[in-house]
All heavy atoms as atom14 arrays in JSON, in Angstrom:
{
  "sequence": "INQISQENQDLILEPKNRLRPTRVEEYIFGGRPLAI",
  "atom14_mask": [
    [1, 1, 1, 1, 1, 1, 1, 1, 0, 0, 0, 0, 0, 0],
    [1, 1, 1, 1, 1, 1, 1, 1, 0, 0, 0, 0, 0, 0],
    [1, 1, 1, 1, 1, 1, 1, 1, 1, 0, 0, 0, 0, 0],
    [1, 1, 1, 1, 1, 1, 1, 1, 0, 0, 0, 0, 0, 0],
    [1, 1, 1, 1, 1, 1, 0, 0, 0, 0, 0, 0, 0, 0],
    [1, 1, 1, 1, 1, 1, 1, 1, 1, 0, 0, 0, 0, 0],
    [1, 1, 1, 1, 1, 1, 1, 1, 1, 0, 0, 0, 0, 0],
    [1, 1, 1, 1, 1, 1, 1, 1, 0, 0, 0, 0, 0, 0],
    [1, 1, 1, 1, 1, 1, 1, 1, 1, 0, 0, 0, 0, 0],
    [1, 1, 1, 1, 1, 1, 1, 1, 0, 0, 0, 0, 0, 0],
    [1, 1, 1, 1, 1, 1, 1, 1, 0, 0, 0, 0, 0, 0],
    [1, 1, 1, 1, 1, 1, 1, 1, 0, 0, 0, 0, 0, 0],
    [1, 1, 1, 1, 1, 1, 1, 1, 0, 0, 0, 0, 0, 0],
    [1, 1, 1, 1, 1, 1, 1, 1, 1, 0, 0, 0, 0, 0],
    [1, 1, 1, 1, 1, 1, 1, 0, 0, 0, 0, 0, 0, 0],
    [1, 1, 1, 1, 1, 1, 1, 1, 1, 0, 0, 0, 0, 0],
    [1, 1, 1, 1, 1, 1, 1, 1, 0, 0, 0, 0, 0, 0],
    [1, 1, 1, 1, 1, 1, 1, 1, 1, 1, 1, 0, 0, 0],
    [1, 1, 1, 1, 1, 1, 1, 1, 0, 0, 0, 0, 0, 0],
    [1, 1, 1, 1, 1, 1, 1, 1, 1, 1, 1, 0, 0, 0],
    [1, 1, 1, 1, 1, 1, 1, 0, 0, 0, 0, 0, 0, 0],
    [1, 1, 1, 1, 1, 1, 1, 0, 0, 0, 0, 0, 0, 0],
    [1, 1, 1, 1, 1, 1, 1, 1, 1, 1, 1, 0, 0, 0],
    [1, 1, 1, 1, 1, 1, 1, 0, 0, 0, 0, 0, 0, 0],
    [1, 1, 1, 1, 1, 1, 1, 1, 1, 0, 0, 0, 0, 0],
    [1, 1, 1, 1, 1, 1, 1, 1, 1, 0, 0, 0, 0, 0],
    [1, 1, 1, 1, 1, 1, 1, 1, 1, 1, 1, 1, 0, 0],
    [1, 1, 1, 1, 1, 1, 1, 1, 0, 0, 0, 0, 0, 0],
    [1, 1, 1, 1, 1, 1, 1, 1, 1, 1, 1, 0, 0, 0],
    [1, 1, 1, 1, 0, 0, 0, 0, 0, 0, 0, 0, 0, 0],
    [1, 1, 1, 1, 0, 0, 0, 0, 0, 0, 0, 0, 0, 0],
    [1, 1, 1, 1, 1, 1, 1, 1, 1, 1, 1, 0, 0, 0],
    [1, 1, 1, 1, 1, 1, 1, 0, 0, 0, 0, 0, 0, 0],
    [1, 1, 1, 1, 1, 1, 1, 1, 0, 0, 0, 0, 0, 0],
    [1, 1, 1, 1, 1, 0, 0, 0, 0, 0, 0, 0, 0, 0],
    [1, 1, 1, 1, 1, 1, 1, 1, 0, 0, 0, 0, 0, 0]
  ],
  "atom14_positions": [
    [[0.83, -1.21, 0.0], [0.01, 0.01, 0.0], [0.87, 1.25, 0.01], [0.6, 2.23, -0.72], [-0.93, -0.01, 1.22], [-1.87, -1.2, 1.17], [-1.74, 1.31, 1.28], [-2.69, -1.4, 2.48], [0.0, 0.0, 0.0], [0.0, 0.0, 0.0], [0.0, 0.0, 0.0], [0.0, 0.0, 0.0], [0.0, 0.0, 0.0], [0.0, 0.0, 0.0]],
    [[1.92, 1.18, 0.81], [2.82, 2.34, 0.88], [3.54, 2.58, -0.44], [3.71, 3.72, -0.86], [3.86, 2.05, 2.0], [4.73, 3.26, 2.24], [4.26, 4.42, 2.17], [5.99, 3.04, 2.57], [0.0, 0.0, 0.0], [0.0, 0.0, 0.0], [0.0, 0.0, 0.0], [0.0, 0.0, 0.0], [0.0, 0.0, 0.0], [0.0, 0.0, 0.0]],
    [[3.95, 1.5, -1.14], [4.61, 1.64, -2.43], [3.65, 2.3, -3.44], [4.06, 3.21, -4.14], [5.04, 0.27, -2.92], [5.76, 0.31, -4.28], [6.08, -1.04, -4.82], [5.55, -2.03, -4.35], [6.94, -1.07, -5.83], [0.0, 0.0, 0.0], [0.0, 0.0, 0.0], [0.0, 0.0, 0.0], [0.0, 0.0, 0.0], [0.0, 0.0, 0.0]],
    [[2.44, 1.83, -3.52], [1.46, 2.4, -4.44], [1.23, 3.88, -4.15], [1.2, 4.7, -5.08], [0.12, 1.62, -4.37], [0.31, 0.16, -4.83], [-0.94, 2.3, -5.24], [-0.88, -0.72, -4.6], [0.0, 0.0, 0.0], [0.0, 0.0, 0.0], [0.0, 0.0, 0.0], [0.0, 0.0, 0.0], [0.0, 0.0, 0.0], [0.0, 0.0, 0.0]],
    [[1.1, 4.24, -2.88], [0.84, 5.61, -2.47], [2.01, 6.54, -2.84], [1.82, 7.61, -3.35], [0.55, 5.68, -0.98], [-0.55, 4.88, -0.65], [0.0, 0.0, 0.0], [0.0, 0.0, 0.0], [0.0, 0.0, 0.0], [0.0, 0.0, 0.0], [0.0, 0.0, 0.0], [0.0, 0.0, 0.0], [0.0, 0.0, 0.0], [0.0, 0.0, 0.0]],
    [[3.25, 6.08, -2.53], [4.4, 6.95, -2.75], [4.71, 7.13, -4.21], [5.14, 8.2, -4.64], [5.62, 6.34, -2.05], [5.59, 6.45, -0.55], [6.91, 6.13, 0.11], [7.96, 6.36, -0.47], [6.88, 5.58, 1.3], [0.0, 0.0, 0.0], [0.0, 0.0, 0.0], [0.0, 0.0, 0.0], [0.0, 0.0, 0.0], [0.0, 0.0, 0.0]],
    [[4.46, 6.11, -5.05], [4.8, 6.18, -6.45], [3.71, 6.82, -7.28], [3.93, 7.08, -8.49], [5.12, 4.79, -7.0], [6.39, 4.19, -6.36], [6.73, 2.83, -6.89], [5.88, 2.23, -7.61], [7.77, 2.28, -6.54], [0.0, 0.0, 0.0], [0.0, 0.0, 0.0], [0.0, 0.0, 0.0], [0.0, 0.0, 0.0], [0.0, 0.0, 0.0]],
    [[2.54, 7.11, -6.71], [1.46, 7.74, -7.45], [0.82, 8.89, -6.66], [-0.35, 8.95, -6.46], [0.38, 6.69, -7.75], [0.91, 5.56, -8.6], [1.02, 5.61, -9.82], [1.29, 4.44, -7.94], [0.0, 0.0, 0.0], [0.0, 0.0, 0.0], [0.0, 0.0, 0.0], [0.0, 0.0, 0.0], [0.0, 0.0, 0.0], [0.0, 0.0, 0.0]],
    [[1.71, 9.8, -6.19], [1.23, 10.85, -5.32], [0.33, 11.88, -6.01], [-0.39, 12.58, -5.36], [2.44, 11.54, -4.65], [3.2, 10.64, -3.71], [4.28, 11.39, -2.91], [4.13, 12.55, -2.62], [5.34, 10.69, -2.58], [0.0, 0.0, 0.0], [0.0, 0.0, 0.0], [0.0, 0.0, 0.0], [0.0, 0.0, 0.0], [0.0, 0.0, 0.0]],
    [[0.43, 11.95, -7.37], [-0.48, 12.82, -8.08], [-1.9, 12.32, -8.12], [-2.85, 13.07, -8.35], [0.02, 13.04, -9.52], [1.3, 13.85, -9.59], [1.56, 14.61, -8.64], [2.05, 13.69, -10.56], [0.0, 0.0, 0.0], [0.0, 0.0, 0.0], [0.0, 0.0, 0.0], [0.0, 0.0, 0.0], [0.0, 0.0, 0.0], [0.0, 0.0, 0.0]],
    [[-2.06, 11.02, -7.9], [-3.37, 10.38, -7.99], [-3.9, 9.92, -6.67], [-5.06, 10.16, -6.33], [-3.29, 9.18, -8.94], [-4.54, 8.33, -9.11], [-5.67, 9.13, -9.75], [-4.23, 7.08, -9.96], [0.0, 0.0, 0.0], [0.0, 0.0, 0.0], [0.0, 0.0, 0.0], [0.0, 0.0, 0.0], [0.0, 0.0, 0.0], [0.0, 0.0, 0.0]],
    [[-3.07, 9.27, -5.85], [-3.52, 8.65, -4.61], [-3.27, 9.56, -3.41], [-2.19, 10.1, -3.24], [-2.78, 7.3, -4.39], [-2.97, 6.37, -5.61], [-3.31, 6.6, -3.1], [-4.41, 6.02, -5.91], [0.0, 0.0, 0.0], [0.0, 0.0, 0.0], [0.0, 0.0, 0.0], [0.0, 0.0, 0.0], [0.0, 0.0, 0.0], [0.0, 0.0, 0.0]],
    [[-4.3, 9.71, -2.59], [-4.19, 10.51, -1.35], [-3.91, 9.56, -0.2], [-4.82, 8.95, 0.41], [-5.51, 11.27, -1.11], [-5.54, 12.22, 0.1], [-4.47, 13.3, -0.02], [-6.91, 12.88, 0.24], [0.0, 0.0, 0.0], [0.0, 0.0, 0.0], [0.0, 0.0, 0.0], [0.0, 0.0, 0.0], [0.0, 0.0, 0.0], [0.0, 0.0, 0.0]],
    [[-2.65, 9.4, 0.15], [-2.2, 8.35, 1.08], [-2.89, 8.38, 2.44], [-3.31, 7.31, 2.92], [-0.66, 8.46, 1.23], [-0.05, 7.37, 2.09], [0.08, 7.78, 3.53], [0.02, 8.95, 3.82], [0.2, 6.83, 4.33], [0.0, 0.0, 0.0], [0.0, 0.0, 0.0], [0.0, 0.0, 0.0], [0.0, 0.0, 0.0], [0.0, 0.0, 0.0]],
    [[-3.09, 9.53, 3.09], [-3.72, 9.48, 4.41], [-5.15, 8.97, 4.43], [-5.65, 8.53, 5.49], [-3.69, 10.96, 4.87], [-2.63, 11.57, 4.05], [-2.67, 10.88, 2.72], [0.0, 0.0, 0.0], [0.0, 0.0, 0.0], [0.0, 0.0, 0.0], [0.0, 0.0, 0.0], [0.0, 0.0, 0.0], [0.0, 0.0, 0.0], [0.0, 0.0, 0.0]],
    [[-5.8, 8.95, 3.26], [-7.25, 8.53, 3.25], [-7.38, 7.09, 2.83], [-8.5, 6.56, 2.77], [-8.0, 9.44, 2.23], [-8.11, 10.88, 2.68], [-8.99, 11.06, 3.88], [-9.17, 12.54, 4.23], [-10.04, 12.69, 5.42], [0.0, 0.0, 0.0], [0.0, 0.0, 0.0], [0.0, 0.0, 0.0], [0.0, 0.0, 0.0], [0.0, 0.0, 0.0]],
    [[-6.32, 6.39, 2.46], [-6.41, 4.98, 2.11], [-6.96, 4.2, 3.32], [-6.61, 4.46, 4.47], [-5.03, 4.37, 1.75], [-4.54, 4.96, 0.45], [-5.29, 5.51, -0.37], [-3.24, 4.85, 0.18], [0.0, 0.0, 0.0], [0.0, 0.0, 0.0], [0.0, 0.0, 0.0], [0.0, 0.0, 0.0], [0.0, 0.0, 0.0], [0.0, 0.0, 0.0]],
    [[-7.83, 3.2, 3.03], [-8.43, 2.46, 4.15], [-8.53, 0.96, 3.79], [-9.03, 0.63, 2.72], [-9.82, 2.99, 4.45], [-10.47, 2.41, 5.69], [-11.77, 3.1, 6.01], [-12.84, 2.58, 5.21], [-13.67, 1.59, 5.58], [-13.5, 1.02, 6.78], [-14.65, 1.19, 4.77], [0.0, 0.0, 0.0], [0.0, 0.0, 0.0], [0.0, 0.0, 0.0]],
    [[-8.01, 0.13, 4.66], [-8.12, -1.32, 4.52], [-9.38, -1.73, 5.27], [-9.45, -1.61, 6.51], [-6.88, -1.99, 5.09], [-6.65, -3.45, 4.66], [-6.49, -3.55, 3.13], [-5.42, -4.01, 5.33], [0.0, 0.0, 0.0], [0.0, 0.0, 0.0], [0.0, 0.0, 0.0], [0.0, 0.0, 0.0], [0.0, 0.0, 0.0], [0.0, 0.0, 0.0]],
    [[-10.36, -2.2, 4.56], [-11.65, -2.58, 5.19], [-11.45, -3.75, 6.15], [-10.7, -4.71, 5.84], [-12.69, -2.9, 4.16], [-13.16, -1.73, 3.32], [-14.18, -2.15, 2.29], [-14.69, -1.02, 1.51], [-15.52, -1.14, 0.49], [-15.94, -2.35, 0.1], [-15.93, -0.08, -0.15], [0.0, 0.0, 0.0], [0.0, 0.0, 0.0], [0.0, 0.0, 0.0]],
    [[-12.1, -3.75, 7.31], [-11.95, -4.88, 8.25], [-12.58, -6.17, 7.74], [-13.59, -6.11, 7.01], [-12.66, -4.37, 9.5], [-13.61, -3.34, 9.04], [-12.97, -2.69, 7.82], [0.0, 0.0, 0.0], [0.0, 0.0, 0.0], [0.0, 0.0, 0.0], [0.0, 0.0, 0.0], [0.0, 0.0, 0.0], [0.0, 0.0, 0.0], [0.0, 0.0, 0.0]],
    [[-12.0, -7.3, 8.05], [-12.6, -8.59, 7.75], [-13.75, -8.84, 8.7], [-13.98, -8.11, 9.67], [-11.56, -9.71, 7.86], [-11.07, -9.73, 9.21], [-10.39, -9.47, 6.92], [0.0, 0.0, 0.0], [0.0, 0.0, 0.0], [0.0, 0.0, 0.0], [0.0, 0.0, 0.0], [0.0, 0.0, 0.0], [0.0, 0.0, 0.0], [0.0, 0.0, 0.0]],
    [[-14.44, -9.96, 8.46], [-15.58, -10.28, 9.36], [-15.15, -10.51, 10.8], [-15.83, -10.09, 11.73], [-16.3, -11.53, 8.83], [-17.0, -11.3, 7.5], [-17.68, -12.56, 7.01], [-18.36, -12.39, 5.73], [-19.0, -13.32, 5.06], [-19.04, -14.56, 5.57], [-19.57, -13.08, 3.91], [0.0, 0.0, 0.0], [0.0, 0.0, 0.0], [0.0, 0.0, 0.0]],
    [[-13.99, -11.16, 10.97], [-13.46, -11.42, 12.3], [-13.18, -10.09, 13.01], [-13.53, -9.9, 14.18], [-12.2, -12.28, 12.25], [-11.52, -12.35, 13.6], [-12.56, -13.69, 11.76], [0.0, 0.0, 0.0], [0.0, 0.0, 0.0], [0.0, 0.0, 0.0], [0.0, 0.0, 0.0], [0.0, 0.0, 0.0], [0.0, 0.0, 0.0], [0.0, 0.0, 0.0]],
    [[-12.52, -9.18, 12.31], [-12.17, -7.88, 12.91], [-13.4, -7.06, 13.17], [-13.48, -6.38, 14.2], [-11.24, -7.14, 11.94], [-9.88, -7.76, 11.78], [-9.09, -7.17, 10.66], [-9.69, -6.88, 9.59], [-7.86, -7.01, 10.78], [0.0, 0.0, 0.0], [0.0, 0.0, 0.0], [0.0, 0.0, 0.0], [0.0, 0.0, 0.0], [0.0, 0.0, 0.0]],
    [[-14.38, -7.13, 12.26], [-15.55, -6.28, 12.45], [-16.53, -6.75, 13.5], [-16.99, -5.98, 14.34], [-16.27, -6.14, 11.08], [-17.4, -5.11, 11.09], [-17.93, -4.86, 9.69], [-17.46, -5.5, 8.73], [-18.83, -4.0, 9.57], [0.0, 0.0, 0.0], [0.0, 0.0, 0.0], [0.0, 0.0, 0.0], [0.0, 0.0, 0.0], [0.0, 0.0, 0.0]],
    [[-16.86, -8.06, 13.45], [-17.91, -8.59, 14.3], [-17.43, -9.05, 15.67], [-18.16, -9.04, 16.65], [-18.66, -9.73, 13.6], [-19.36, -9.29, 12.35], [-19.0, -9.76, 11.09], [-20.38, -8.32, 12.43], [-19.63, -9.34, 9.94], [-21.04, -7.89, 11.25], [-20.67, -8.42, 10.03], [-21.29, -7.99, 8.89], [0.0, 0.0, 0.0], [0.0, 0.0, 0.0]],
    [[-16.2, -9.51, 15.76], [-15.68, -10.03, 17.04], [-14.88, -8.96, 17.78], [-14.98, -8.82, 19.01], [-14.79, -11.27, 16.82], [-15.64, -12.39, 16.14], [-14.23, -11.75, 18.14], [-14.87, -13.67, 15.87], [0.0, 0.0, 0.0], [0.0, 0.0, 0.0], [0.0, 0.0, 0.0], [0.0, 0.0, 0.0], [0.0, 0.0, 0.0], [0.0, 0.0, 0.0]],
    [[-14.09, -8.16, 17.04], [-13.23, -7.19, 17.69], [-13.61, -5.73, 17.43], [-12.81, -4.82, 17.64], [-11.76, -7.44, 17.27], [-11.19, -8.72, 17.78], [-11.28, -9.88, 17.06], [-10.54, -8.78, 19.04], [-10.78, -11.08, 17.52], [-10.05, -9.97, 19.51], [-10.17, -11.11, 18.78], [0.0, 0.0, 0.0], [0.0, 0.0, 0.0], [0.0, 0.0, 0.0]],
    [[-14.82, -5.54, 16.93], [-15.31, -4.18, 16.77], [-14.55, -3.33, 15.78], [-14.46, -2.1, 15.94], [0.0, 0.0, 0.0], [0.0, 0.0, 0.0], [0.0, 0.0, 0.0], [0.0, 0.0, 0.0], [0.0, 0.0, 0.0], [0.0, 0.0, 0.0], [0.0, 0.0, 0.0], [0.0, 0.0, 0.0], [0.0, 0.0, 0.0], [0.0, 0.0, 0.0]],
    [[-14.0, -3.94, 14.73], [-13.27, -3.21, 13.74], [-11.8, -3.05, 14.01], [-11.05, -2.45, 13.19], [0.0, 0.0, 0.0], [0.0, 0.0, 0.0], [0.0, 0.0, 0.0], [0.0, 0.0, 0.0], [0.0, 0.0, 0.0], [0.0, 0.0, 0.0], [0.0, 0.0, 0.0], [0.0, 0.0, 0.0], [0.0, 0.0, 0.0], [0.0, 0.0, 0.0]],
    [[-11.33, -3.55, 15.14], [-9.89, -3.44, 15.44], [-9.05, -4.27, 14.52], [-9.34, -5.48, 14.32], [-9.66, -3.91, 16.9], [-8.17, -3.91, 17.29], [-7.98, -4.63, 18.59], [-6.57, -4.97, 18.75], [-6.09, -5.75, 19.72], [-6.9, -6.29, 20.61], [-4.82, -6.01, 19.83], [0.0, 0.0, 0.0], [0.0, 0.0, 0.0], [0.0, 0.0, 0.0]],
    [[-8.0, -3.71, 13.89], [-7.18, -4.48, 12.96], [-6.36, -5.55, 13.66], [-5.8, -5.32, 14.71], [-6.27, -3.43, 12.32], [-6.25, -2.31, 13.28], [-7.57, -2.31, 13.98], [0.0, 0.0, 0.0], [0.0, 0.0, 0.0], [0.0, 0.0, 0.0], [0.0, 0.0, 0.0], [0.0, 0.0, 0.0], [0.0, 0.0, 0.0], [0.0, 0.0, 0.0]],
    [[-6.31, -6.75, 13.03], [-5.58, -7.9, 13.63], [-4.4, -8.31, 12.79], [-3.57, -9.11, 13.25], [-6.52, -9.07, 13.84], [-7.57, -8.96, 14.98], [-8.49, -10.15, 14.95], [-6.88, -8.83, 16.31], [0.0, 0.0, 0.0], [0.0, 0.0, 0.0], [0.0, 0.0, 0.0], [0.0, 0.0, 0.0], [0.0, 0.0, 0.0], [0.0, 0.0, 0.0]],
    [[-4.31, -7.82, 11.57], [-3.19, -8.19, 10.72], [-1.89, -7.69, 11.36], [-1.84, -6.6, 11.94], [-3.34, -7.59, 9.33], [0.0, 0.0, 0.0], [0.0, 0.0, 0.0], [0.0, 0.0, 0.0], [0.0, 0.0, 0.0], [0.0, 0.0, 0.0], [0.0, 0.0, 0.0], [0.0, 0.0, 0.0], [0.0, 0.0, 0.0], [0.0, 0.0, 0.0]],
    [[-0.82, -8.51, 11.26], [0.45, -8.14, 11.83], [0.98, -6.9, 11.19], [1.07, -6.8, 9.94], [1.42, -9.32, 11.71], [0.96, -10.5, 12.57], [2.83, -8.89, 12.14], [1.86, -11.73, 12.48], [0.0, 0.0, 0.0], [0.0, 0.0, 0.0], [0.0, 0.0, 0.0], [0.0, 0.0, 0.0], [0.0, 0.0, 0.0], [0.0, 0.0, 0.0]]
  ]
}
């Protein structure tokens, strides 16, 4: 994600990128990210 953002700064707004939570993260942990 960082590579895509840095190499396309004219197009991609890095601070607004969002990785949507999986079902486990959303329903069990209230949206808290669990990926390492």
